[in-house]
Amino acid sequence: RKAAEAVRAFNHATQRTRDRRPGIAYPGTVYRAI
């Protein structure tokens, strides 16, 4: 349940912003998330 909540929080934190800025700004973050 905690893992599922952590994924939900990740999804929320990485959504595009209203001004269309990506939720993940740098490829290093992509690498670490994967």
Full PDB file with SEQRES, HELIX, SHEET, SSBOND, CRYST1, ORIGX, SCALE, CONECT and MASTER records, all heavy atoms in Angstrom:
SEQRES   1 A   34  ARG LYS ALA ALA GLU ALA VAL ARG ALA PHE ASN HIS ALA          
SEQRES   2 A   34  THR GLN ARG THR ARG ASP ARG ARG PRO GLY ILE ALA TYR          
SEQRES   3 A   34  PRO GLY THR VAL TYR ARG ALA ILE                              
HELIX    1 AA1 LYS A    2  ALA A   13  1                                  12    
HELIX    2 AA2 PRO A   27  ALA A   33  1                                   7    
CRYST1    1.000    1.000    1.000  90.00  90.00  90.00 P 1           1          
ORIGX1      1.000000  0.000000  0.000000        0.00000                         
ORIGX2      0.000000  1.000000  0.000000        0.00000                         
ORIGX3      0.000000  0.000000  1.000000        0.00000                         
SCALE1      1.000000  0.000000  0.000000        0.00000                         
SCALE2      0.000000  1.000000  0.000000        0.00000                         
SCALE3      0.000000  0.000000  1.000000        0.00000                         
ATOM      1  N   ARG A   1       0.845  -1.213   0.000  1.00  0.00           N  
ATOM      2  CA  ARG A   1       0.000   0.000   0.000  1.00  0.00           C  
ATOM      3  C   ARG A   1       0.869   1.247   0.000  1.00  0.00           C  
ATOM      4  O   ARG A   1       0.577   2.226  -0.699  1.00  0.00           O  
ATOM      5  CB  ARG A   1      -0.949  -0.009   1.199  1.00  0.00           C  
ATOM      6  CG  ARG A   1      -2.132  -0.939   1.039  1.00  0.00           C  
ATOM      7  CD  ARG A   1      -3.242  -0.684   2.061  1.00  0.00           C  
ATOM      8  NE  ARG A   1      -2.766  -0.576   3.429  1.00  0.00           N  
ATOM      9  CZ  ARG A   1      -2.772  -1.568   4.316  1.00  0.00           C  
ATOM     10  NH1 ARG A   1      -3.214  -2.761   3.990  1.00  0.00           N  
ATOM     11  NH2 ARG A   1      -2.335  -1.364   5.540  1.00  0.00           N  
ATOM     12  N   LYS A   2       1.954   1.236   0.791  1.00  0.00           N  
ATOM     13  CA  LYS A   2       2.877   2.377   0.812  1.00  0.00           C  
ATOM     14  C   LYS A   2       3.571   2.539  -0.544  1.00  0.00           C  
ATOM     15  O   LYS A   2       3.778   3.662  -1.010  1.00  0.00           O  
ATOM     16  CB  LYS A   2       3.917   2.212   1.918  1.00  0.00           C  
ATOM     17  CG  LYS A   2       3.368   2.434   3.305  1.00  0.00           C  
ATOM     18  CD  LYS A   2       4.454   2.231   4.346  1.00  0.00           C  
ATOM     19  CE  LYS A   2       3.904   2.351   5.748  1.00  0.00           C  
ATOM     20  NZ  LYS A   2       4.949   2.079   6.769  1.00  0.00           N  
ATOM     21  N   ALA A   3       3.936   1.417  -1.169  1.00  0.00           N  
ATOM     22  CA  ALA A   3       4.561   1.483  -2.490  1.00  0.00           C  
ATOM     23  C   ALA A   3       3.596   2.077  -3.511  1.00  0.00           C  
ATOM     24  O   ALA A   3       3.986   2.910  -4.336  1.00  0.00           O  
ATOM     25  CB  ALA A   3       5.027   0.092  -2.937  1.00  0.00           C  
ATOM     26  N   ALA A   4       2.335   1.653  -3.448  1.00  0.00           N  
ATOM     27  CA  ALA A   4       1.329   2.201  -4.366  1.00  0.00           C  
ATOM     28  C   ALA A   4       1.153   3.695  -4.139  1.00  0.00           C  
ATOM     29  O   ALA A   4       1.036   4.473  -5.094  1.00  0.00           O  
ATOM     30  CB  ALA A   4       0.002   1.465  -4.186  1.00  0.00           C  
ATOM     31  N   GLU A   5       1.154   4.108  -2.882  1.00  0.00           N  
ATOM     32  CA  GLU A   5       1.013   5.538  -2.565  1.00  0.00           C  
ATOM     33  C   GLU A   5       2.243   6.309  -3.061  1.00  0.00           C  
ATOM     34  O   GLU A   5       2.118   7.429  -3.563  1.00  0.00           O  
ATOM     35  CB  GLU A   5       0.818   5.745  -1.066  1.00  0.00           C  
ATOM     36  CG  GLU A   5       0.695   7.188  -0.648  1.00  0.00           C  
ATOM     37  CD  GLU A   5      -0.418   7.966  -1.344  1.00  0.00           C  
ATOM     38  OE1 GLU A   5      -1.420   7.367  -1.786  1.00  0.00           O  
ATOM     39  OE2 GLU A   5      -0.291   9.212  -1.453  1.00  0.00           O  
ATOM     40  N   ALA A   6       3.414   5.706  -2.958  1.00  0.00           N  
ATOM     41  CA  ALA A   6       4.628   6.362  -3.443  1.00  0.00           C  
ATOM     42  C   ALA A   6       4.576   6.548  -4.957  1.00  0.00           C  
ATOM     43  O   ALA A   6       4.984   7.596  -5.474  1.00  0.00           O  
ATOM     44  CB  ALA A   6       5.863   5.549  -3.041  1.00  0.00           C  
ATOM     45  N   VAL A   7       4.056   5.567  -5.677  1.00  0.00           N  
ATOM     46  CA  VAL A   7       3.914   5.699  -7.136  1.00  0.00           C  
ATOM     47  C   VAL A   7       2.904   6.796  -7.459  1.00  0.00           C  
ATOM     48  O   VAL A   7       3.124   7.608  -8.367  1.00  0.00           O  
ATOM     49  CB  VAL A   7       3.530   4.352  -7.795  1.00  0.00           C  
ATOM     50  CG1 VAL A   7       3.187   4.538  -9.262  1.00  0.00           C  
ATOM     51  CG2 VAL A   7       4.646   3.338  -7.621  1.00  0.00           C  
ATOM     52  N   ARG A   8       1.804   6.850  -6.707  1.00  0.00           N  
ATOM     53  CA  ARG A   8       0.822   7.917  -6.917  1.00  0.00           C  
ATOM     54  C   ARG A   8       1.477   9.282  -6.695  1.00  0.00           C  
ATOM     55  O   ARG A   8       1.288  10.217  -7.486  1.00  0.00           O  
ATOM     56  CB  ARG A   8      -0.382   7.752  -5.968  1.00  0.00           C  
ATOM     57  CG  ARG A   8      -1.501   8.759  -6.288  1.00  0.00           C  
ATOM     58  CD  ARG A   8      -2.328   9.116  -5.060  1.00  0.00           C  
ATOM     59  NE  ARG A   8      -1.568   9.738  -3.999  1.00  0.00           N  
ATOM     60  CZ  ARG A   8      -1.182  11.018  -3.959  1.00  0.00           C  
ATOM     61  NH1 ARG A   8      -1.443  11.838  -4.954  1.00  0.00           N  
ATOM     62  NH2 ARG A   8      -0.511  11.488  -2.938  1.00  0.00           N  
ATOM     63  N   ALA A   9       2.289   9.405  -5.644  1.00  0.00           N  
ATOM     64  CA  ALA A   9       2.963  10.676  -5.360  1.00  0.00           C  
ATOM     65  C   ALA A   9       3.952  11.026  -6.475  1.00  0.00           C  
ATOM     66  O   ALA A   9       4.059  12.189  -6.877  1.00  0.00           O  
ATOM     67  CB  ALA A   9       3.675  10.596  -4.008  1.00  0.00           C  
ATOM     68  N   PHE A  10       4.659  10.018  -6.989  1.00  0.00           N  
ATOM     69  CA  PHE A  10       5.564  10.238  -8.120  1.00  0.00           C  
ATOM     70  C   PHE A  10       4.784  10.750  -9.326  1.00  0.00           C  
ATOM     71  O   PHE A  10       5.195  11.710  -9.980  1.00  0.00           O  
ATOM     72  CB  PHE A  10       6.312   8.942  -8.474  1.00  0.00           C  
ATOM     73  CG  PHE A  10       7.140   9.070  -9.720  1.00  0.00           C  
ATOM     74  CD1 PHE A  10       8.431   9.564  -9.647  1.00  0.00           C  
ATOM     75  CD2 PHE A  10       6.632   8.716 -10.962  1.00  0.00           C  
ATOM     76  CE1 PHE A  10       9.202   9.710 -10.800  1.00  0.00           C  
ATOM     77  CE2 PHE A  10       7.385   8.856 -12.109  1.00  0.00           C  
ATOM     78  CZ  PHE A  10       8.680   9.355 -12.026  1.00  0.00           C  
ATOM     79  N   ASN A  11       3.665  10.090  -9.628  1.00  0.00           N  
ATOM     80  CA  ASN A  11       2.842  10.511 -10.773  1.00  0.00           C  
ATOM     81  C   ASN A  11       2.389  11.956 -10.610  1.00  0.00           C  
ATOM     82  O   ASN A  11       2.424  12.742 -11.565  1.00  0.00           O  
ATOM     83  CB  ASN A  11       1.631   9.590 -10.932  1.00  0.00           C  
ATOM     84  CG  ASN A  11       2.010   8.197 -11.371  1.00  0.00           C  
ATOM     85  OD1 ASN A  11       3.109   7.959 -11.845  1.00  0.00           O  
ATOM     86  ND2 ASN A  11       1.103   7.259 -11.190  1.00  0.00           N  
ATOM     87  N   HIS A  12       1.988  12.306  -9.416  1.00  0.00           N  
ATOM     88  CA  HIS A  12       1.541  13.682  -9.153  1.00  0.00           C  
ATOM     89  C   HIS A  12       2.706  14.665  -9.308  1.00  0.00           C  
ATOM     90  O   HIS A  12       2.560  15.722  -9.924  1.00  0.00           O  
ATOM     91  CB  HIS A  12       0.943  13.773  -7.753  1.00  0.00           C  
ATOM     92  CG  HIS A  12       0.490  15.142  -7.388  1.00  0.00           C  
ATOM     93  ND1 HIS A  12      -0.677  15.682  -7.884  1.00  0.00           N  
ATOM     94  CD2 HIS A  12       1.050  16.086  -6.604  1.00  0.00           C  
ATOM     95  CE1 HIS A  12      -0.821  16.920  -7.409  1.00  0.00           C  
ATOM     96  NE2 HIS A  12       0.211  17.175  -6.635  1.00  0.00           N  
ATOM     97  N   ALA A  13       3.857  14.311  -8.762  1.00  0.00           N  
ATOM     98  CA  ALA A  13       5.016  15.215  -8.783  1.00  0.00           C  
ATOM     99  C   ALA A  13       5.592  15.404 -10.182  1.00  0.00           C  
ATOM    100  O   ALA A  13       6.248  16.413 -10.442  1.00  0.00           O  
ATOM    101  CB  ALA A  13       6.106  14.683  -7.852  1.00  0.00           C  
ATOM    102  N   THR A  14       5.332  14.464 -11.078  1.00  0.00           N  
ATOM    103  CA  THR A  14       5.956  14.540 -12.405  1.00  0.00           C  
ATOM    104  C   THR A  14       4.980  14.927 -13.511  1.00  0.00           C  
ATOM    105  O   THR A  14       5.339  14.863 -14.692  1.00  0.00           O  
ATOM    106  CB  THR A  14       6.637  13.195 -12.752  1.00  0.00           C  
ATOM    107  OG1 THR A  14       5.666  12.155 -12.708  1.00  0.00           O  
ATOM    108  CG2 THR A  14       7.776  12.900 -11.793  1.00  0.00           C  
ATOM    109  N   GLN A  15       3.786  15.356 -13.154  1.00  0.00           N  
ATOM    110  CA  GLN A  15       2.841  15.822 -14.175  1.00  0.00           C  
ATOM    111  C   GLN A  15       3.352  17.121 -14.787  1.00  0.00           C  
ATOM    112  O   GLN A  15       4.001  17.928 -14.121  1.00  0.00           O  
ATOM    113  CB  GLN A  15       1.465  16.082 -13.559  1.00  0.00           C  
ATOM    114  CG  GLN A  15       0.716  14.845 -13.210  1.00  0.00           C  
ATOM    115  CD  GLN A  15      -0.627  15.165 -12.585  1.00  0.00           C  
ATOM    116  OE1 GLN A  15      -0.806  16.211 -11.981  1.00  0.00           O  
ATOM    117  NE2 GLN A  15      -1.573  14.257 -12.740  1.00  0.00           N  
ATOM    118  N   ARG A  16       3.012  17.313 -16.056  1.00  0.00           N  
ATOM    119  CA  ARG A  16       3.321  18.598 -16.690  1.00  0.00           C  
ATOM    120  C   ARG A  16       2.588  19.704 -15.945  1.00  0.00           C  
ATOM    121  O   ARG A  16       1.474  19.508 -15.480  1.00  0.00           O  
ATOM    122  CB  ARG A  16       2.846  18.617 -18.140  1.00  0.00           C  
ATOM    123  CG  ARG A  16       3.708  17.875 -19.088  1.00  0.00           C  
ATOM    124  CD  ARG A  16       3.134  18.046 -20.492  1.00  0.00           C  
ATOM    125  NE  ARG A  16       3.991  17.430 -21.453  1.00  0.00           N  
ATOM    126  CZ  ARG A  16       4.866  18.101 -22.185  1.00  0.00           C  
ATOM    127  NH1 ARG A  16       4.957  19.403 -22.064  1.00  0.00           N  
ATOM    128  NH2 ARG A  16       5.628  17.473 -23.039  1.00  0.00           N  
ATOM    129  N   THR A  17       3.221  20.856 -15.889  1.00  0.00           N  
ATOM    130  CA  THR A  17       2.576  21.994 -15.253  1.00  0.00           C  
ATOM    131  C   THR A  17       1.562  22.611 -16.213  1.00  0.00           C  
ATOM    132  O   THR A  17       1.536  22.279 -17.400  1.00  0.00           O  
ATOM    133  CB  THR A  17       3.621  23.060 -14.850  1.00  0.00           C  
ATOM    134  OG1 THR A  17       4.261  23.535 -16.036  1.00  0.00           O  
ATOM    135  CG2 THR A  17       4.640  22.489 -13.877  1.00  0.00           C  
ATOM    136  N   ARG A  18       0.766  23.510 -15.719  1.00  0.00           N  
ATOM    137  CA  ARG A  18      -0.249  24.157 -16.565  1.00  0.00           C  
ATOM    138  C   ARG A  18       0.365  24.949 -17.699  1.00  0.00           C  
ATOM    139  O   ARG A  18      -0.236  25.110 -18.747  1.00  0.00           O  
ATOM    140  CB  ARG A  18      -1.139  25.055 -15.721  1.00  0.00           C  
ATOM    141  CG  ARG A  18      -2.030  24.239 -14.844  1.00  0.00           C  
ATOM    142  CD  ARG A  18      -2.998  25.073 -14.089  1.00  0.00           C  
ATOM    143  NE  ARG A  18      -3.738  24.161 -13.234  1.00  0.00           N  
ATOM    144  CZ  ARG A  18      -4.630  24.514 -12.382  1.00  0.00           C  
ATOM    145  NH1 ARG A  18      -4.920  25.782 -12.223  1.00  0.00           N  
ATOM    146  NH2 ARG A  18      -5.252  23.630 -11.650  1.00  0.00           N  
ATOM    147  N   ASP A  19       1.578  25.438 -17.478  1.00  0.00           N  
ATOM    148  CA  ASP A  19       2.251  26.180 -18.552  1.00  0.00           C  
ATOM    149  C   ASP A  19       3.069  25.242 -19.452  1.00  0.00           C  
ATOM    150  O   ASP A  19       3.953  25.669 -20.165  1.00  0.00           O  
ATOM    151  CB  ASP A  19       3.120  27.305 -17.984  1.00  0.00           C  
ATOM    152  CG  ASP A  19       4.231  26.809 -17.077  1.00  0.00           C  
ATOM    153  OD1 ASP A  19       4.288  25.596 -16.799  1.00  0.00           O  
ATOM    154  OD2 ASP A  19       5.036  27.644 -16.636  1.00  0.00           O  
ATOM    155  N   ARG A  20       2.737  23.932 -19.393  1.00  0.00           N  
ATOM    156  CA  ARG A  20       3.291  22.885 -20.257  1.00  0.00           C  
ATOM    157  C   ARG A  20       4.759  22.584 -19.971  1.00  0.00           C  
ATOM    158  O   ARG A  20       5.436  21.974 -20.785  1.00  0.00           O  
ATOM    159  CB  ARG A  20       3.109  23.217 -21.744  1.00  0.00           C  
ATOM    160  CG  ARG A  20       1.689  23.491 -22.173  1.00  0.00           C  
ATOM    161  CD  ARG A  20       0.781  22.303 -22.139  1.00  0.00           C  
ATOM    162  NE  ARG A  20       1.205  21.271 -23.071  1.00  0.00           N  
ATOM    163  CZ  ARG A  20       0.882  19.997 -22.956  1.00  0.00           C  
ATOM    164  NH1 ARG A  20       0.123  19.596 -21.978  1.00  0.00           N  
ATOM    165  NH2 ARG A  20       1.312  19.113 -23.824  1.00  0.00           N  
ATOM    166  N   ARG A  21       5.262  22.992 -18.816  1.00  0.00           N  
ATOM    167  CA  ARG A  21       6.628  22.623 -18.451  1.00  0.00           C  
ATOM    168  C   ARG A  21       6.619  21.174 -17.993  1.00  0.00           C  
ATOM    169  O   ARG A  21       5.708  20.738 -17.294  1.00  0.00           O  
ATOM    170  CB  ARG A  21       7.145  23.536 -17.346  1.00  0.00           C  
ATOM    171  CG  ARG A  21       7.363  24.957 -17.846  1.00  0.00           C  
ATOM    172  CD  ARG A  21       7.760  25.905 -16.778  1.00  0.00           C  
ATOM    173  NE  ARG A  21       8.805  25.358 -15.919  1.00  0.00           N  
ATOM    174  CZ  ARG A  21       9.257  25.970 -14.850  1.00  0.00           C  
ATOM    175  NH1 ARG A  21       8.780  27.143 -14.498  1.00  0.00           N  
ATOM    176  NH2 ARG A  21      10.193  25.428 -14.110  1.00  0.00           N  
ATOM    177  N   PRO A  22       7.630  20.412 -18.380  1.00  0.00           N  
ATOM    178  CA  PRO A  22       7.649  18.996 -17.991  1.00  0.00           C  
ATOM    179  C   PRO A  22       7.803  18.837 -16.486  1.00  0.00           C  
ATOM    180  O   PRO A  22       8.417  19.663 -15.809  1.00  0.00           O  
ATOM    181  CB  PRO A  22       8.873  18.440 -18.727  1.00  0.00           C  
ATOM    182  CG  PRO A  22       9.741  19.613 -18.986  1.00  0.00           C  
ATOM    183  CD  PRO A  22       8.816  20.796 -19.126  1.00  0.00           C  
ATOM    184  N   GLY A  23       7.227  17.767 -15.975  1.00  0.00           N  
ATOM    185  CA  GLY A  23       7.340  17.475 -14.553  1.00  0.00           C  
ATOM    186  C   GLY A  23       8.715  16.959 -14.175  1.00  0.00           C  
ATOM    187  O   GLY A  23       9.096  16.976 -13.012  1.00  0.00           O  
ATOM    188  N   ILE A  24       9.448  16.484 -15.153  1.00  0.00           N  
ATOM    189  CA  ILE A  24      10.837  16.066 -14.960  1.00  0.00           C  
ATOM    190  C   ILE A  24      11.666  16.912 -15.914  1.00  0.00           C  
ATOM    191  O   ILE A  24      11.486  16.858 -17.125  1.00  0.00           O  
ATOM    192  CB  ILE A  24      11.037  14.572 -15.261  1.00  0.00           C  
ATOM    193  CG1 ILE A  24      10.217  13.723 -14.285  1.00  0.00           C  
ATOM    194  CG2 ILE A  24      12.506  14.203 -15.190  1.00  0.00           C  
ATOM    195  CD1 ILE A  24      10.268  12.233 -14.561  1.00  0.00           C  
ATOM    196  N   ALA A  25      12.568  17.694 -15.361  1.00  0.00           N  
ATOM    197  CA  ALA A  25      13.296  18.658 -16.177  1.00  0.00           C  
ATOM    198  C   ALA A  25      14.613  18.142 -16.737  1.00  0.00           C  
ATOM    199  O   ALA A  25      15.126  18.698 -17.705  1.00  0.00           O  
ATOM    200  CB  ALA A  25      13.558  19.927 -15.357  1.00  0.00           C  
ATOM    201  N   TYR A  26      15.176  17.076 -16.148  1.00  0.00           N  
ATOM    202  CA  TYR A  26      16.528  16.673 -16.524  1.00  0.00           C  
ATOM    203  C   TYR A  26      16.622  15.167 -16.758  1.00  0.00           C  
ATOM    204  O   TYR A  26      15.967  14.378 -16.079  1.00  0.00           O  
ATOM    205  CB  TYR A  26      17.528  17.109 -15.451  1.00  0.00           C  
ATOM    206  CG  TYR A  26      17.475  18.600 -15.228  1.00  0.00           C  
ATOM    207  CD1 TYR A  26      16.852  19.123 -14.099  1.00  0.00           C  
ATOM    208  CD2 TYR A  26      17.996  19.473 -16.173  1.00  0.00           C  
ATOM    209  CE1 TYR A  26      16.769  20.494 -13.912  1.00  0.00           C  
ATOM    210  CE2 TYR A  26      17.917  20.846 -15.993  1.00  0.00           C  
ATOM    211  CZ  TYR A  26      17.302  21.350 -14.858  1.00  0.00           C  
ATOM    212  OH  TYR A  26      17.213  22.709 -14.685  1.00  0.00           O  
ATOM    213  N   PRO A  27      17.459  14.753 -17.708  1.00  0.00           N  
ATOM    214  CA  PRO A  27      17.580  13.322 -18.014  1.00  0.00           C  
ATOM    215  C   PRO A  27      18.155  12.505 -16.853  1.00  0.00           C  
ATOM    216  O   PRO A  27      17.873  11.313 -16.751  1.00  0.00           O  
ATOM    217  CB  PRO A  27      18.495  13.278 -19.238  1.00  0.00           C  
ATOM    218  CG  PRO A  27      19.168  14.589 -19.280  1.00  0.00           C  
ATOM    219  CD  PRO A  27      18.281  15.577 -18.607  1.00  0.00           C  
ATOM    220  N   GLY A  28      18.912  13.116 -15.991  1.00  0.00           N  
ATOM    221  CA  GLY A  28      19.425  12.382 -14.829  1.00  0.00           C  
ATOM    222  C   GLY A  28      18.295  11.906 -13.933  1.00  0.00           C  
ATOM    223  O   GLY A  28      18.367  10.819 -13.347  1.00  0.00           O  
ATOM    224  N   THR A  29      17.245  12.703 -13.846  1.00  0.00           N  
ATOM    225  CA  THR A  29      16.087  12.312 -13.052  1.00  0.00           C  
ATOM    226  C   THR A  29      15.342  11.169 -13.729  1.00  0.00           C  
ATOM    227  O   THR A  29      14.865  10.245 -13.071  1.00  0.00           O  
ATOM    228  CB  THR A  29      15.152  13.517 -12.840  1.00  0.00           C  
ATOM    229  OG1 THR A  29      15.911  14.578 -12.266  1.00  0.00           O  
ATOM    230  CG2 THR A  29      14.001  13.166 -11.923  1.00  0.00           C  
ATOM    231  N   VAL A  30      15.265  11.220 -15.057  1.00  0.00           N  
ATOM    232  CA  VAL A  30      14.654  10.122 -15.812  1.00  0.00           C  
ATOM    233  C   VAL A  30      15.420   8.830 -15.521  1.00  0.00           C  
ATOM    234  O   VAL A  30      14.826   7.791 -15.208  1.00  0.00           O  
ATOM    235  CB  VAL A  30      14.654  10.434 -17.333  1.00  0.00           C  
ATOM    236  CG1 VAL A  30      14.285   9.207 -18.140  1.00  0.00           C  
ATOM    237  CG2 VAL A  30      13.727  11.601 -17.633  1.00  0.00           C  
ATOM    238  N   TYR A  31      16.731   8.891 -15.595  1.00  0.00           N  
ATOM    239  CA  TYR A  31      17.586   7.726 -15.346  1.00  0.00           C  
ATOM    240  C   TYR A  31      17.352   7.163 -13.936  1.00  0.00           C  
ATOM    241  O   TYR A  31      17.173   5.949 -13.762  1.00  0.00           O  
ATOM    242  CB  TYR A  31      19.046   8.138 -15.540  1.00  0.00           C  
ATOM    243  CG  TYR A  31      20.044   7.054 -15.227  1.00  0.00           C  
ATOM    244  CD1 TYR A  31      20.289   6.031 -16.140  1.00  0.00           C  
ATOM    245  CD2 TYR A  31      20.743   7.052 -14.028  1.00  0.00           C  
ATOM    246  CE1 TYR A  31      21.216   5.030 -15.862  1.00  0.00           C  
ATOM    247  CE2 TYR A  31      21.666   6.065 -13.744  1.00  0.00           C  
ATOM    248  CZ  TYR A  31      21.895   5.049 -14.661  1.00  0.00           C  
ATOM    249  OH  TYR A  31      22.796   4.067 -14.379  1.00  0.00           O  
ATOM    250  N   ARG A  32      17.352   8.032 -12.939  1.00  0.00           N  
ATOM    251  CA  ARG A  32      17.164   7.573 -11.557  1.00  0.00           C  
ATOM    252  C   ARG A  32      15.769   7.012 -11.330  1.00  0.00           C  
ATOM    253  O   ARG A  32      15.597   6.011 -10.621  1.00  0.00           O  
ATOM    254  CB  ARG A  32      17.461   8.706 -10.577  1.00  0.00           C  
ATOM    255  CG  ARG A  32      18.927   9.098 -10.529  1.00  0.00           C  
ATOM    256  CD  ARG A  32      19.264  10.045  -9.384  1.00  0.00           C  
ATOM    257  NE  ARG A  32      18.363  11.174  -9.263  1.00  0.00           N  
ATOM    258  CZ  ARG A  32      18.473  12.323  -9.933  1.00  0.00           C  
ATOM    259  NH1 ARG A  32      19.454  12.491 -10.807  1.00  0.00           N  
ATOM    260  NH2 ARG A  32      17.612  13.305  -9.741  1.00  0.00           N  
ATOM    261  N   ALA A  33      14.761   7.627 -11.949  1.00  0.00           N  
ATOM    262  CA  ALA A  33      13.380   7.135 -11.794  1.00  0.00           C  
ATOM    263  C   ALA A  33      13.232   5.751 -12.420  1.00  0.00           C  
ATOM    264  O   ALA A  33      12.647   4.845 -11.809  1.00  0.00           O  
ATOM    265  CB  ALA A  33      12.391   8.121 -12.415  1.00  0.00           C  
ATOM    266  N   ILE A  34      13.772   5.592 -13.615  1.00  0.00           N  
ATOM    267  CA  ILE A  34      13.706   4.274 -14.266  1.00  0.00           C  
ATOM    268  C   ILE A  34      14.424   3.238 -13.407  1.00  0.00           C  
ATOM    269  O   ILE A  34      13.928   2.123 -13.222  1.00  0.00           O  
ATOM    270  CB  ILE A  34      14.299   4.330 -15.686  1.00  0.00           C  
ATOM    271  CG1 ILE A  34      13.424   5.190 -16.593  1.00  0.00           C  
ATOM    272  CG2 ILE A  34      14.455   2.924 -16.261  1.00  0.00           C  
ATOM    273  CD1 ILE A  34      14.069   5.510 -17.937  1.00  0.00           C  
TER     274      ILE A  34                                                      
MASTER        0    0    0    2    0    0    0    6  273    1    0    3          
END                                                                             
